[in-house]
């Protein structure tokens, strides 16, 4: 059982306890990922690189940014490892969507001087309720706005833009706000900002003290449910087509591969650790 929880692991359990078991409790190593996650990583790494150049007083051209994305995509794409679940959609469509998202972002925010970057791909770890509920995450970009507010920015590469009501209840950035307030001692306004780069939309949200307290309590309840779980039953849904563990899931007739018995070499290595 994992000892520190993230927004993605909480959502994983809610979507399917069996997937959670395969991913976090008795990890099943599967060297695959969906094309959506692959594109998201390529976009994130290019935006991180862009802002690191900006911090040094250099703004790369749009052409250079797009070249870097296409180069990284080509270097890292392995058709045997990256799965495309959506039938009839070619890899070129996904590659072009990522490029379009970067171009949209570049045009909207150039010359990237509207705020000050405090952190990029910033890991955070904090605790709720006196340490009983440890939480971790990674903030895409932490920002100090010109009006003094702290902003938590998140880059999204999906096509769908959630409603404002959904964003006002979003757990991921809500938890990140709890973390940065605790770690930085922030008492002023904190804005949550989502960049939906492919449809070229920006959305923001703020939370009241009452909403933050409600999130703390809801997160504690979610972690309690995970800690009490014993069955890890699969929960089939439309998301199953994107799950890397589907071939091993009992809901689809699969079984978990047997764990090989330790060899004499393994036992010697364990004694040396």
C-alpha atoms as a PDB file:
ATOM      1  CA  UNK A   1       0.000   0.000   0.000  1.00  0.00           C
ATOM      2  CA  UNK A   2       1.339   3.396  -0.900  1.00  0.00           C
ATOM      3  CA  UNK A   3       2.073   5.633   2.071  1.00  0.00           C
ATOM      4  CA  UNK A   4       1.632   8.979   0.322  1.00  0.00           C
ATOM      5  CA  UNK A   5      -1.381   9.824  -1.802  1.00  0.00           C
ATOM      6  CA  UNK A   6      -1.751  12.021  -4.865  1.00  0.00           C
ATOM      7  CA  UNK A   7      -4.802  13.471  -6.621  1.00  0.00           C
ATOM      8  CA  UNK A   8      -4.277  10.993  -9.462  1.00  0.00           C
ATOM      9  CA  UNK A   9      -4.076   7.997  -7.113  1.00  0.00           C
ATOM     10  CA  UNK A  10      -7.278   9.073  -5.345  1.00  0.00           C
ATOM     11  CA  UNK A  11      -9.059   9.343  -8.699  1.00  0.00           C
ATOM     12  CA  UNK A  12      -7.618   5.990  -9.751  1.00  0.00           C
ATOM     13  CA  UNK A  13      -9.199   4.264  -6.756  1.00  0.00           C
ATOM     14  CA  UNK A  14     -12.543   5.959  -7.307  1.00  0.00           C
ATOM     15  CA  UNK A  15     -12.564   4.910 -10.963  1.00  0.00           C
ATOM     16  CA  UNK A  16     -11.466   1.309 -10.344  1.00  0.00           C
ATOM     17  CA  UNK A  17     -10.083  -0.320  -7.180  1.00  0.00           C
ATOM     18  CA  UNK A  18      -8.520  -3.111  -9.255  1.00  0.00           C
ATOM     19  CA  UNK A  19      -6.550  -0.605 -11.318  1.00  0.00           C
ATOM     20  CA  UNK A  20      -5.419   1.001  -8.075  1.00  0.00           C
ATOM     21  CA  UNK A  21      -4.253  -2.373  -6.777  1.00  0.00           C
ATOM     22  CA  UNK A  22      -2.286  -3.070  -9.957  1.00  0.00           C
ATOM     23  CA  UNK A  23      -0.742   0.377  -9.933  1.00  0.00           C
ATOM     24  CA  UNK A  24      -0.054   1.096  -6.257  1.00  0.00           C
ATOM     25  CA  UNK A  25      -0.657  -1.876  -3.924  1.00  0.00           C
ATOM     26  CA  UNK A  26       0.914  -4.815  -5.749  1.00  0.00           C
ATOM     27  CA  UNK A  27       2.524  -2.921  -8.631  1.00  0.00           C
ATOM     28  CA  UNK A  28       2.334  -4.667 -11.981  1.00  0.00           C
ATOM     29  CA  UNK A  29       5.066  -3.384 -14.267  1.00  0.00           C
ATOM     30  CA  UNK A  30       3.600  -2.634 -17.688  1.00  0.00           C
ATOM     31  CA  UNK A  31       5.794  -0.752 -20.138  1.00  0.00           C
ATOM     32  CA  UNK A  32       2.913   0.918 -21.953  1.00  0.00           C
ATOM     33  CA  UNK A  33       1.128   4.236 -21.908  1.00  0.00           C
ATOM     34  CA  UNK A  34      -1.756   5.773 -23.795  1.00  0.00           C
ATOM     35  CA  UNK A  35      -1.114   8.193 -26.629  1.00  0.00           C
ATOM     36  CA  UNK A  36      -2.921  10.926 -24.690  1.00  0.00           C
ATOM     37  CA  UNK A  37      -0.463  10.648 -21.789  1.00  0.00           C
ATOM     38  CA  UNK A  38       2.447  10.480 -24.217  1.00  0.00           C
ATOM     39  CA  UNK A  39       1.412  13.705 -25.970  1.00  0.00           C
ATOM     40  CA  UNK A  40       0.777  15.385 -22.631  1.00  0.00           C
ATOM     41  CA  UNK A  41       4.314  14.600 -21.471  1.00  0.00           C
ATOM     42  CA  UNK A  42       5.838  15.980 -24.673  1.00  0.00           C
ATOM     43  CA  UNK A  43       3.862  19.230 -24.362  1.00  0.00           C
ATOM     44  CA  UNK A  44       4.716  19.605 -20.670  1.00  0.00           C
ATOM     45  CA  UNK A  45       8.435  19.089 -21.190  1.00  0.00           C
ATOM     46  CA  UNK A  46       8.555  21.658 -23.992  1.00  0.00           C
ATOM     47  CA  UNK A  47       6.669  24.260 -21.928  1.00  0.00           C
ATOM     48  CA  UNK A  48       8.981  23.614 -18.987  1.00  0.00           C
ATOM     49  CA  UNK A  49      11.983  24.108 -21.276  1.00  0.00           C
ATOM     50  CA  UNK A  50      10.432  27.292 -22.698  1.00  0.00           C
ATOM     51  CA  UNK A  51      10.020  28.870 -19.269  1.00  0.00           C
ATOM     52  CA  UNK A  52      13.528  27.887 -18.208  1.00  0.00           C
ATOM     53  CA  UNK A  53      14.843  29.821 -21.214  1.00  0.00           C
ATOM     54  CA  UNK A  54      12.562  32.745 -20.351  1.00  0.00           C
ATOM     55  CA  UNK A  55      13.997  32.778 -16.804  1.00  0.00           C
ATOM     56  CA  UNK A  56      17.446  33.253 -18.364  1.00  0.00           C
ATOM     57  CA  UNK A  57      16.258  36.235 -20.387  1.00  0.00           C
ATOM     58  CA  UNK A  58      15.910  34.283 -23.623  1.00  0.00           C
ATOM     59  CA  UNK A  59      12.638  33.752 -25.477  1.00  0.00           C
ATOM     60  CA  UNK A  60      12.901  30.996 -28.095  1.00  0.00           C
ATOM     61  CA  UNK A  61      10.997  31.518 -31.321  1.00  0.00           C
ATOM     62  CA  UNK A  62       7.713  29.765 -31.946  1.00  0.00           C
ATOM     63  CA  UNK A  63       9.401  27.767 -34.707  1.00  0.00           C
ATOM     64  CA  UNK A  64      12.095  26.583 -32.289  1.00  0.00           C
ATOM     65  CA  UNK A  65       9.490  25.545 -29.712  1.00  0.00           C
ATOM     66  CA  UNK A  66       7.539  23.542 -32.291  1.00  0.00           C
ATOM     67  CA  UNK A  67      10.741  22.002 -33.647  1.00  0.00           C
ATOM     68  CA  UNK A  68      11.715  20.827 -30.169  1.00  0.00           C
ATOM     69  CA  UNK A  69       8.277  19.266 -29.651  1.00  0.00           C
ATOM     70  CA  UNK A  70       8.384  17.377 -32.948  1.00  0.00           C
ATOM     71  CA  UNK A  71      11.939  16.236 -32.267  1.00  0.00           C
ATOM     72  CA  UNK A  72      11.073  14.949 -28.798  1.00  0.00           C
ATOM     73  CA  UNK A  73       7.963  13.241 -30.153  1.00  0.00           C
ATOM     74  CA  UNK A  74       9.941  11.431 -32.833  1.00  0.00           C
ATOM     75  CA  UNK A  75      12.757  10.455 -30.472  1.00  0.00           C
ATOM     76  CA  UNK A  76      10.476   8.985 -27.791  1.00  0.00           C
ATOM     77  CA  UNK A  77       7.588   7.487 -29.758  1.00  0.00           C
ATOM     78  CA  UNK A  78       7.588   3.693 -29.819  1.00  0.00           C
ATOM     79  CA  UNK A  79       4.524   2.150 -31.504  1.00  0.00           C
ATOM     80  CA  UNK A  80       5.027  -1.061 -29.523  1.00  0.00           C
ATOM     81  CA  UNK A  81       4.762   0.841 -26.242  1.00  0.00           C
ATOM     82  CA  UNK A  82       2.368   3.738 -26.887  1.00  0.00           C
ATOM     83  CA  UNK A  83      -1.252   2.602 -27.218  1.00  0.00           C
ATOM     84  CA  UNK A  84      -3.938   4.310 -29.310  1.00  0.00           C
ATOM     85  CA  UNK A  85      -7.293   3.261 -27.868  1.00  0.00           C
ATOM     86  CA  UNK A  86      -9.473   5.390 -30.133  1.00  0.00           C
ATOM     87  CA  UNK A  87     -10.091   3.345 -33.263  1.00  0.00           C
ATOM     88  CA  UNK A  88      -9.464   5.032 -36.594  1.00  0.00           C
ATOM     89  CA  UNK A  89      -7.293   7.817 -35.156  1.00  0.00           C
ATOM     90  CA  UNK A  90      -3.727   7.914 -36.445  1.00  0.00           C
ATOM     91  CA  UNK A  91      -0.659   8.945 -34.493  1.00  0.00           C
ATOM     92  CA  UNK A  92      -0.240  11.937 -36.803  1.00  0.00           C
ATOM     93  CA  UNK A  93      -3.517  13.390 -35.551  1.00  0.00           C
ATOM     94  CA  UNK A  94      -2.283  13.315 -31.948  1.00  0.00           C
ATOM     95  CA  UNK A  95       1.109  14.733 -32.911  1.00  0.00           C
ATOM     96  CA  UNK A  96      -0.576  17.605 -34.735  1.00  0.00           C
ATOM     97  CA  UNK A  97      -2.935  18.278 -31.805  1.00  0.00           C
ATOM     98  CA  UNK A  98       0.020  18.693 -29.449  1.00  0.00           C
ATOM     99  CA  UNK A  99       1.744  21.059 -31.881  1.00  0.00           C
ATOM    100  CA  UNK A 100      -1.452  23.080 -32.267  1.00  0.00           C
ATOM    101  CA  UNK A 101      -1.748  23.366 -28.487  1.00  0.00           C
ATOM    102  CA  UNK A 102       1.811  24.660 -28.170  1.00  0.00           C
ATOM    103  CA  UNK A 103       1.276  27.149 -30.963  1.00  0.00           C
ATOM    104  CA  UNK A 104      -1.920  28.382 -29.280  1.00  0.00           C
ATOM    105  CA  UNK A 105      -0.137  28.783 -25.963  1.00  0.00           C
ATOM    106  CA  UNK A 106       2.808  30.588 -27.510  1.00  0.00           C
ATOM    107  CA  UNK A 107       0.620  33.075 -29.364  1.00  0.00           C
ATOM    108  CA  UNK A 108      -1.543  33.776 -26.303  1.00  0.00           C
ATOM    109  CA  UNK A 109       1.311  34.349 -23.819  1.00  0.00           C
ATOM    110  CA  UNK A 110       4.229  35.720 -25.844  1.00  0.00           C
ATOM    111  CA  UNK A 111       6.548  37.380 -24.718  1.00  0.00           C
ATOM    112  CA  UNK A 112       5.930  35.551 -21.416  1.00  0.00           C
ATOM    113  CA  UNK A 113       6.427  38.567 -19.155  1.00  0.00           C
ATOM    114  CA  UNK A 114       2.970  38.838 -17.567  1.00  0.00           C
ATOM    115  CA  UNK A 115       4.054  37.124 -14.329  1.00  0.00           C
ATOM    116  CA  UNK A 116       7.029  35.621 -12.505  1.00  0.00           C
ATOM    117  CA  UNK A 117       7.725  31.902 -12.392  1.00  0.00           C
ATOM    118  CA  UNK A 118       8.456  30.543  -8.900  1.00  0.00           C
ATOM    119  CA  UNK A 119       8.684  26.885  -9.843  1.00  0.00           C
ATOM    120  CA  UNK A 120       8.399  24.479 -12.776  1.00  0.00           C
ATOM    121  CA  UNK A 121       7.346  20.848 -12.427  1.00  0.00           C
ATOM    122  CA  UNK A 122       7.603  21.545  -8.722  1.00  0.00           C
ATOM    123  CA  UNK A 123       7.176  18.502  -6.429  1.00  0.00           C
ATOM    124  CA  UNK A 124       5.244  19.161  -3.241  1.00  0.00           C
ATOM    125  CA  UNK A 125       4.562  16.971  -0.241  1.00  0.00           C
ATOM    126  CA  UNK A 126       2.417  17.960   2.704  1.00  0.00           C
ATOM    127  CA  UNK A 127       0.245  16.421   5.383  1.00  0.00           C
ATOM    128  CA  UNK A 128      -3.369  16.763   6.431  1.00  0.00           C
ATOM    129  CA  UNK A 129      -4.719  16.290   9.946  1.00  0.00           C
ATOM    130  CA  UNK A 130      -1.428  16.305  11.804  1.00  0.00           C
ATOM    131  CA  UNK A 131       0.361  13.913   9.488  1.00  0.00           C
ATOM    132  CA  UNK A 132      -2.289  11.204   9.238  1.00  0.00           C
ATOM    133  CA  UNK A 133      -2.908  11.906   5.561  1.00  0.00           C
ATOM    134  CA  UNK A 134       0.285  12.580   3.551  1.00  0.00           C
ATOM    135  CA  UNK A 135      -0.298  14.043   0.091  1.00  0.00           C
ATOM    136  CA  UNK A 136       2.094  14.602  -2.790  1.00  0.00           C
ATOM    137  CA  UNK A 137       1.910  16.120  -6.246  1.00  0.00           C
ATOM    138  CA  UNK A 138       3.719  18.009  -8.968  1.00  0.00           C
ATOM    139  CA  UNK A 139       2.757  21.580  -9.880  1.00  0.00           C
ATOM    140  CA  UNK A 140       3.271  22.339 -13.561  1.00  0.00           C
ATOM    141  CA  UNK A 141       4.050  26.003 -12.924  1.00  0.00           C
ATOM    142  CA  UNK A 142       3.911  28.090  -9.739  1.00  0.00           C
ATOM    143  CA  UNK A 143       3.524  31.792 -10.436  1.00  0.00           C
ATOM    144  CA  UNK A 144       3.525  35.152  -8.707  1.00  0.00           C
ATOM    145  CA  UNK A 145       1.116  37.388 -10.593  1.00  0.00           C
ATOM    146  CA  UNK A 146       1.704  41.106 -11.000  1.00  0.00           C
ATOM    147  CA  UNK A 147      -1.104  41.889  -8.542  1.00  0.00           C
ATOM    148  CA  UNK A 148       0.703  39.824  -5.889  1.00  0.00           C
ATOM    149  CA  UNK A 149      -1.545  36.774  -5.984  1.00  0.00           C
ATOM    150  CA  UNK A 150      -0.023  33.316  -6.022  1.00  0.00           C
ATOM    151  CA  UNK A 151      -1.153  31.220  -8.981  1.00  0.00           C
ATOM    152  CA  UNK A 152      -1.022  27.472  -9.550  1.00  0.00           C
ATOM    153  CA  UNK A 153      -0.969  26.755 -13.289  1.00  0.00           C
ATOM    154  CA  UNK A 154      -1.828  23.431 -14.877  1.00  0.00           C
ATOM    155  CA  UNK A 155      -1.361  22.521 -18.549  1.00  0.00           C
ATOM    156  CA  UNK A 156      -4.025  20.305 -20.114  1.00  0.00           C
ATOM    157  CA  UNK A 157      -3.830  18.715 -23.574  1.00  0.00           C
ATOM    158  CA  UNK A 158      -7.311  17.205 -23.733  1.00  0.00           C
ATOM    159  CA  UNK A 159      -9.987  18.542 -26.043  1.00  0.00           C
ATOM    160  CA  UNK A 160     -12.728  18.874 -23.439  1.00  0.00           C
ATOM    161  CA  UNK A 161     -12.955  21.998 -21.279  1.00  0.00           C
ATOM    162  CA  UNK A 162     -14.845  21.295 -18.020  1.00  0.00           C
ATOM    163  CA  UNK A 163     -17.605  23.554 -16.813  1.00  0.00           C
ATOM    164  CA  UNK A 164     -16.825  26.247 -14.277  1.00  0.00           C
ATOM    165  CA  UNK A 165     -18.713  24.266 -11.645  1.00  0.00           C
ATOM    166  CA  UNK A 166     -16.466  21.258 -12.253  1.00  0.00           C
ATOM    167  CA  UNK A 167     -13.343  23.393 -12.004  1.00  0.00           C
ATOM    168  CA  UNK A 168     -14.567  25.011  -8.803  1.00  0.00           C
ATOM    169  CA  UNK A 169     -14.723  21.481  -7.352  1.00  0.00           C
ATOM    170  CA  UNK A 170     -11.463  20.232  -8.898  1.00  0.00           C
ATOM    171  CA  UNK A 171      -9.523  18.229  -6.325  1.00  0.00           C
ATOM    172  CA  UNK A 172      -6.069  18.288  -7.924  1.00  0.00           C
ATOM    173  CA  UNK A 173      -5.359  22.013  -7.899  1.00  0.00           C
ATOM    174  CA  UNK A 174      -7.421  22.413  -4.747  1.00  0.00           C
ATOM    175  CA  UNK A 175      -5.037  20.082  -2.930  1.00  0.00           C
ATOM    176  CA  UNK A 176      -2.051  21.829  -4.452  1.00  0.00           C
ATOM    177  CA  UNK A 177      -3.371  25.081  -2.986  1.00  0.00           C
ATOM    178  CA  UNK A 178      -3.501  23.475   0.465  1.00  0.00           C
ATOM    179  CA  UNK A 179       0.083  22.355  -0.033  1.00  0.00           C
ATOM    180  CA  UNK A 180       1.554  25.666  -1.169  1.00  0.00           C
ATOM    181  CA  UNK A 181      -0.289  27.586   1.528  1.00  0.00           C
ATOM    182  CA  UNK A 182       1.226  25.282   4.134  1.00  0.00           C
ATOM    183  CA  UNK A 183       4.722  25.070   2.653  1.00  0.00           C
ATOM    184  CA  UNK A 184       5.073  28.748   1.735  1.00  0.00           C
ATOM    185  CA  UNK A 185       3.024  30.212   4.556  1.00  0.00           C
ATOM    186  CA  UNK A 186       0.821  31.909   1.943  1.00  0.00           C
ATOM    187  CA  UNK A 187      -2.102  33.803   3.453  1.00  0.00           C
ATOM    188  CA  UNK A 188      -3.193  35.950   0.490  1.00  0.00           C
ATOM    189  CA  UNK A 189      -5.166  35.149  -2.617  1.00  0.00           C
ATOM    190  CA  UNK A 190      -4.328  31.943  -4.469  1.00  0.00           C
ATOM    191  CA  UNK A 191      -5.687  31.450  -7.966  1.00  0.00           C
ATOM    192  CA  UNK A 192      -6.002  28.116  -9.707  1.00  0.00           C
ATOM    193  CA  UNK A 193      -5.381  28.400 -13.450  1.00  0.00           C
ATOM    194  CA  UNK A 194      -5.933  25.776 -16.137  1.00  0.00           C
ATOM    195  CA  UNK A 195      -4.548  26.116 -19.655  1.00  0.00           C
ATOM    196  CA  UNK A 196      -6.497  23.953 -22.116  1.00  0.00           C
ATOM    197  CA  UNK A 197      -3.968  24.424 -24.856  1.00  0.00           C
ATOM    198  CA  UNK A 198      -5.592  22.515 -27.727  1.00  0.00           C
ATOM    199  CA  UNK A 199      -8.961  24.353 -27.628  1.00  0.00           C
ATOM    200  CA  UNK A 200      -7.005  27.487 -26.539  1.00  0.00           C
ATOM    201  CA  UNK A 201      -9.006  28.167 -23.390  1.00  0.00           C
ATOM    202  CA  UNK A 202      -7.889  29.471 -19.975  1.00  0.00           C
ATOM    203  CA  UNK A 203     -10.003  28.945 -16.858  1.00  0.00           C
ATOM    204  CA  UNK A 204      -9.496  30.138 -13.273  1.00  0.00           C
ATOM    205  CA  UNK A 205     -10.959  29.362  -9.869  1.00  0.00           C
ATOM    206  CA  UNK A 206     -10.508  30.482  -6.264  1.00  0.00           C
ATOM    207  CA  UNK A 207     -11.490  28.709  -3.050  1.00  0.00           C
ATOM    208  CA  UNK A 208     -12.895  30.038   0.198  1.00  0.00           C
ATOM    209  CA  UNK A 209     -11.581  28.927   3.575  1.00  0.00           C
ATOM    210  CA  UNK A 210     -14.755  26.854   3.995  1.00  0.00           C
ATOM    211  CA  UNK A 211     -14.166  25.109   0.657  1.00  0.00           C
ATOM    212  CA  UNK A 212     -10.579  24.356   1.624  1.00  0.00           C
ATOM    213  CA  UNK A 213     -11.712  22.813   4.916  1.00  0.00           C
ATOM    214  CA  UNK A 214     -14.312  20.723   3.089  1.00  0.00           C
ATOM    215  CA  UNK A 215     -11.611  19.480   0.706  1.00  0.00           C
ATOM    216  CA  UNK A 216      -9.388  18.463   3.625  1.00  0.00           C
ATOM    217  CA  UNK A 217     -12.219  16.433   5.134  1.00  0.00           C
ATOM    218  CA  UNK A 218     -13.232  14.837   1.819  1.00  0.00           C
ATOM    219  CA  UNK A 219      -9.621  13.877   1.074  1.00  0.00           C
ATOM    220  CA  UNK A 220      -9.227  12.283   4.509  1.00  0.00           C
ATOM    221  CA  UNK A 221     -12.380  10.223   3.912  1.00  0.00           C
ATOM    222  CA  UNK A 222     -11.089   9.108   0.507  1.00  0.00           C
ATOM    223  CA  UNK A 223      -7.776   7.967   1.995  1.00  0.00           C
ATOM    224  CA  UNK A 224      -9.599   6.146   4.795  1.00  0.00           C
ATOM    225  CA  UNK A 225     -11.624   4.214   2.202  1.00  0.00           C
ATOM    226  CA  UNK A 226      -8.455   3.182   0.386  1.00  0.00           C
ATOM    227  CA  UNK A 227      -6.762   2.058   3.591  1.00  0.00           C
ATOM    228  CA  UNK A 228      -9.805  -0.020   4.533  1.00  0.00           C
ATOM    229  CA  UNK A 229     -10.174  -1.678   1.109  1.00  0.00           C
ATOM    230  CA  UNK A 230      -9.645  -5.427   0.925  1.00  0.00           C
ATOM    231  CA  UNK A 231     -11.484  -6.704  -2.157  1.00  0.00           C
ATOM    232  CA  UNK A 232      -9.991  -4.506  -4.912  1.00  0.00           C
ATOM    233  CA  UNK A 233     -12.885  -5.403  -7.204  1.00  0.00           C
ATOM    234  CA  UNK A 234     -12.749  -4.179 -10.826  1.00  0.00           C
ATOM    235  CA  UNK A 235     -15.231  -1.473 -11.812  1.00  0.00           C
ATOM    236  CA  UNK A 236     -15.765  -1.745 -15.591  1.00  0.00           C
ATOM    237  CA  UNK A 237     -16.535   1.508 -17.383  1.00  0.00           C
ATOM    238  CA  UNK A 238     -15.876   3.376 -20.612  1.00  0.00           C
ATOM    239  CA  UNK A 239     -12.393   4.117 -19.237  1.00  0.00           C
ATOM    240  CA  UNK A 240     -11.343   0.464 -19.518  1.00  0.00           C
ATOM    241  CA  UNK A 241     -10.274   0.897 -23.134  1.00  0.00           C
ATOM    242  CA  UNK A 242      -7.517   3.236 -21.957  1.00  0.00           C
ATOM    243  CA  UNK A 243      -6.318   1.071 -19.050  1.00  0.00           C
ATOM    244  CA  UNK A 244      -2.860  -0.442 -19.400  1.00  0.00           C
ATOM    245  CA  UNK A 245      -3.868  -3.313 -17.105  1.00  0.00           C
ATOM    246  CA  UNK A 246      -6.885  -4.475 -19.129  1.00  0.00           C
ATOM    247  CA  UNK A 247      -5.127  -7.668 -20.406  1.00  0.00           C
ATOM    248  CA  UNK A 248      -4.660  -8.735 -16.758  1.00  0.00           C
ATOM    249  CA  UNK A 249      -8.049  -7.641 -15.400  1.00  0.00           C
ATOM    250  CA  UNK A 250     -10.482 -10.362 -14.236  1.00  0.00           C
ATOM    251  CA  UNK A 251     -13.391  -8.308 -15.586  1.00  0.00           C
ATOM    252  CA  UNK A 252     -12.097  -9.157 -19.078  1.00  0.00           C
ATOM    253  CA  UNK A 253     -10.993 -12.706 -18.376  1.00  0.00           C
ATOM    254  CA  UNK A 254      -7.404 -11.785 -17.604  1.00  0.00           C
ATOM    255  CA  UNK A 255      -5.180 -12.936 -14.785  1.00  0.00           C
ATOM    256  CA  UNK A 256      -2.208 -11.330 -13.144  1.00  0.00           C
ATOM    257  CA  UNK A 257       1.117 -12.803 -14.293  1.00  0.00           C
ATOM    258  CA  UNK A 258       2.714 -15.068 -11.718  1.00  0.00           C
ATOM    259  CA  UNK A 259       5.514 -13.462  -9.777  1.00  0.00           C
ATOM    260  CA  UNK A 260       8.661 -15.476 -10.521  1.00  0.00           C
ATOM    261  CA  UNK A 261      10.221 -17.241  -7.549  1.00  0.00           C
ATOM    262  CA  UNK A 262      13.427 -15.593  -6.335  1.00  0.00           C
ATOM    263  CA  UNK A 263      16.585 -17.096  -7.740  1.00  0.00           C
ATOM    264  CA  UNK A 264      19.753 -17.810  -5.788  1.00  0.00           C
ATOM    265  CA  UNK A 265      21.264 -14.661  -7.329  1.00  0.00           C
ATOM    266  CA  UNK A 266      18.274 -12.578  -6.175  1.00  0.00           C
ATOM    267  CA  UNK A 267      18.663 -13.872  -2.613  1.00  0.00           C
ATOM    268  CA  UNK A 268      22.369 -13.018  -2.569  1.00  0.00           C
ATOM    269  CA  UNK A 269      21.610  -9.509  -3.828  1.00  0.00           C
ATOM    270  CA  UNK A 270      18.947  -9.016  -1.128  1.00  0.00           C
ATOM    271  CA  UNK A 271      21.441 -10.033   1.561  1.00  0.00           C
ATOM    272  CA  UNK A 272      23.846  -7.378   0.286  1.00  0.00           C
ATOM    273  CA  UNK A 273      21.292  -4.557   0.489  1.00  0.00           C
END
